[in-house]
Protein backbone atom coordinates (compact mmCIF):
# COMPACT_ATOMS: atom_id res chain seq x y z
CA GLY A 1 5.40 3.72 -2.09
CA ARG A 2 4.85 4.98 -4.99
CA SER A 3 3.21 3.99 -8.07
CA GLY A 4 4.79 1.33 -10.26
CA ALA A 5 6.86 0.04 -6.66
CA GLY A 6 5.12 -3.30 -6.18
CA LYS A 7 2.49 -2.93 -3.44
CA THR A 8 -0.29 -5.08 -5.87
CA GLU A 9 2.49 -8.40 -6.36
CA ILE A 10 3.68 -8.32 -2.75
CA GLY A 11 0.55 -7.87 -1.10
CA THR A 12 -1.37 -10.23 -2.75
CA ARG A 13 1.76 -12.70 -2.17
CA LEU A 14 1.66 -11.52 1.51
CA TYR A 15 -2.29 -12.03 1.23
CA ARG A 16 -1.85 -15.71 -0.09
CA ARG A 17 -0.15 -16.03 2.96
CA VAL A 18 -1.80 -14.59 5.98
CA LYS A 19 -4.94 -15.79 4.32
CA ALA A 20 -2.87 -19.42 4.44
CA ARG A 21 -3.60 -19.24 8.68
CA HIS A 22 -5.68 -16.25 9.04
CA PRO A 23 -9.01 -16.59 6.74
CA GLU A 24 -11.12 -13.95 7.75
CA THR A 25 -8.01 -11.94 5.99
CA VAL A 26 -9.17 -9.41 2.62
CA PHE A 27 -6.32 -7.67 0.17
CA LEU A 28 -7.54 -4.82 -0.84
CA ASP A 29 -5.95 -3.25 -3.49
CA GLY A 30 -5.84 0.52 -4.43
CA ASP A 31 -6.89 0.64 -7.85
CA VAL A 32 -9.96 -1.43 -7.04
CA LEU A 33 -10.75 0.41 -3.59
CA ARG A 34 -10.97 3.79 -6.62
CA GLU A 35 -12.72 1.16 -8.92
CA VAL A 36 -15.73 0.80 -6.23
CA LEU A 37 -15.23 3.85 -3.81
CA GLY A 38 -14.27 7.21 -5.64
CA ARG A 39 -15.16 6.35 -9.70
CA GLU A 40 -16.15 10.51 -9.60
CA LEU A 41 -12.78 11.26 -7.94
CA GLY A 42 -10.17 12.06 -9.84
CA TYR A 43 -5.97 12.26 -9.27
CA SER A 44 -5.79 15.73 -7.92
CA PRO A 45 -4.01 16.60 -3.89
CA GLU A 46 -7.58 16.94 -2.97
CA ASP A 47 -9.23 14.17 -5.04
CA ARG A 48 -6.39 11.55 -3.55
CA TYR A 49 -6.80 12.51 -0.20
CA ILE A 50 -10.76 12.04 -0.49
CA SER A 51 -9.55 8.56 -1.63
CA GLU A 52 -6.90 7.99 1.01
CA GLU A 53 -9.45 9.28 3.81
CA ARG A 54 -12.69 6.40 2.05
CA THR A 55 -9.74 3.21 2.53
CA SER A 56 -8.19 4.42 5.52
CA ARG A 57 -11.95 4.09 7.66
CA LEU A 58 -12.73 1.52 5.36
CA CYS A 59 -9.59 -0.16 7.23
CA ARG A 60 -10.28 0.49 10.67
CA LEU A 61 -14.89 -0.78 10.35
CA LEU A 62 -12.74 -3.76 8.92
CA GLY A 63 -10.60 -4.54 11.39
CA GLN A 64 -13.21 -3.28 14.52
CA GLN A 65 -14.79 -6.47 13.30
CA GLY A 66 -11.14 -8.82 13.63
CA ILE A 67 -11.33 -8.90 9.61
CA HIS A 68 -7.21 -8.85 9.42
CA VAL A 69 -6.64 -6.11 6.40
CA ILE A 70 -3.29 -5.63 4.05
CA CYS A 71 -4.01 -2.44 1.73
CA ALA A 72 -1.33 -2.14 -1.08
CA LYS A 73 -2.65 1.81 -1.93
CA LEU A 74 -0.10 4.63 -1.98
CA SER A 75 0.04 6.39 1.29
CA ASN A 76 0.94 10.85 0.51
CA SER A 77 -0.87 11.80 3.46
CA PRO A 78 1.05 12.30 6.56
CA GLU A 79 -2.45 13.40 8.57
CA LEU A 80 -3.64 10.19 7.58
CA ARG A 81 -1.64 7.48 8.47
CA ALA A 82 -1.11 8.98 11.46
CA TRP A 83 -5.07 9.01 11.80
CA ASN A 84 -4.77 4.86 10.94
CA ARG A 85 -2.06 4.72 13.83
CA GLU A 86 -4.04 6.15 16.22
CA HIS A 87 -7.73 4.60 15.42
CA ILE A 88 -7.15 0.94 13.08
CA PRO A 89 -6.14 -1.75 15.34
CA ASP A 90 -2.94 -3.71 15.16
CA TYR A 91 -1.47 -0.92 12.29
CA ARG A 92 1.53 -1.36 10.81
CA GLU A 93 2.73 0.63 7.82
CA VAL A 94 4.87 -1.18 5.30
CA TYR A 95 7.42 1.51 3.03
CA LEU A 96 8.02 -0.37 -0.28
CA ARG A 97 10.56 2.84 -0.82
CA VAL A 98 11.41 2.53 -4.71
CA PRO A 99 14.13 4.83 -6.89
CA THR A 100 12.43 7.14 -9.78
CA ALA A 101 15.20 5.39 -11.88
CA VAL A 102 13.84 1.45 -11.12
CA LEU A 103 10.52 2.95 -10.90
CA GLU A 104 10.48 4.44 -14.28
CA GLU A 105 12.00 1.71 -15.99
CA ARG A 106 9.50 -0.79 -14.49
CA ASP A 107 6.45 1.57 -15.71
CA PRO A 108 4.06 -1.72 -15.39
CA LYS A 109 1.20 0.71 -16.43
CA GLY A 110 3.65 3.22 -18.22
CA LEU A 111 2.37 6.26 -16.19
CA TYR A 112 5.71 7.29 -15.90
CA ALA A 113 6.21 7.14 -20.19
CA GLN A 114 2.94 9.16 -20.28
CA PHE A 115 3.87 11.68 -17.75
CA ARG A 116 7.18 12.50 -19.71
CA ARG A 117 6.00 12.47 -22.94
CA GLY A 118 3.08 15.18 -21.26
CA GLU A 119 0.28 13.07 -21.97
CA LEU A 120 -0.24 13.13 -18.11
CA SER A 121 -0.01 14.94 -14.86
CA GLN A 122 -0.52 14.44 -11.18
CA MET A 123 1.92 12.05 -10.26
CA VAL A 124 2.51 11.72 -7.20
CA GLY A 125 6.14 11.64 -6.77
CA LEU A 126 6.98 13.92 -10.05
CA ASP A 127 4.89 17.08 -10.09
CA ILE A 128 3.02 16.21 -6.32
CA PRO A 129 4.95 15.94 -3.85
CA PHE A 130 5.51 13.05 -2.12
CA HIS A 131 5.05 13.08 1.55
CA GLU A 132 7.99 9.92 2.92
CA PRO A 133 6.87 7.98 6.11
CA ALA A 134 8.21 9.86 8.28
CA ALA A 135 8.28 6.26 10.89
CA PRO A 136 6.89 3.17 9.23
CA THR A 137 6.99 0.20 11.02
CA LEU A 138 8.76 -0.81 7.60
CA THR A 139 10.94 0.21 5.42
CA ILE A 140 11.69 -2.20 1.80
CA ASP A 141 14.09 -0.65 -0.01
CA ASP A 142 16.39 -3.85 -0.92
CA TRP A 143 15.55 -4.72 -4.80
CA SER A 144 17.67 -7.31 -5.56
CA ARG A 145 15.45 -9.55 -3.76
CA THR A 146 11.88 -11.77 -5.55
CA PRO A 147 8.86 -11.27 -4.24
CA ASP A 148 8.30 -14.17 -2.40
CA GLU A 149 11.69 -13.12 -0.60
CA ILE A 150 10.24 -9.63 0.12
CA VAL A 151 7.14 -10.82 1.60
CA GLU A 152 9.41 -12.83 4.08
CA ASP A 153 11.53 -10.14 4.82
CA ILE A 154 7.66 -8.09 5.79
CA VAL A 155 6.75 -11.09 7.84
CA THR A 156 9.74 -11.77 9.41
CA GLY A 157 10.00 -7.80 10.26
CA LEU A 158 6.78 -7.36 11.35
CA GLY A 159 7.43 -10.20 13.61
CA TRP A 160 4.13 -12.42 12.59
CA ASN A 161 4.57 -16.36 13.16
CA LEU A 162 2.06 -17.10 10.77
CA ASP A 163 3.53 -21.37 11.93
CA GLU A 164 0.42 -21.47 13.80
CA ARG A 165 -3.43 -20.25 13.83
CA LYS A 166 -3.51 -17.09 15.60
CA ASP A 167 -6.91 -19.06 17.79
CA ALA A 168 -5.54 -22.61 17.30
């Protein structure tokens, strides 16, 4: 999902739920990943692609080592989404589809307001086209539900059984 969709909140809650049954789970947040892997990058489409590619490769590396990865990050490259499906073990793509009006109302970081005042540019979905996922594993678009209910929708929608350990 785009900025303000709830990726971090829902990803964190999903991580806690999965980690309780699978200790070999990590949570990667897009803002933290940018700080660690892409401090030299800006927000141009080219820099965003580099950042997304680095994240994809890190997720593959961790997955190859038997680590469950929950990654909450804006993905705007159809090519990299296809790469993920081909190269990341057990890859699942959850799309948080939130209308622009709701994103602008939430605006937890004030980015939409800054964009509207002309103080910020290069916003995906505004002046950078957003390439909506063509075939996500699961799309969440009912925003009347609580974050915990959305996490339950994800667990159920992906067919995960978190009631007993996978290796038990």
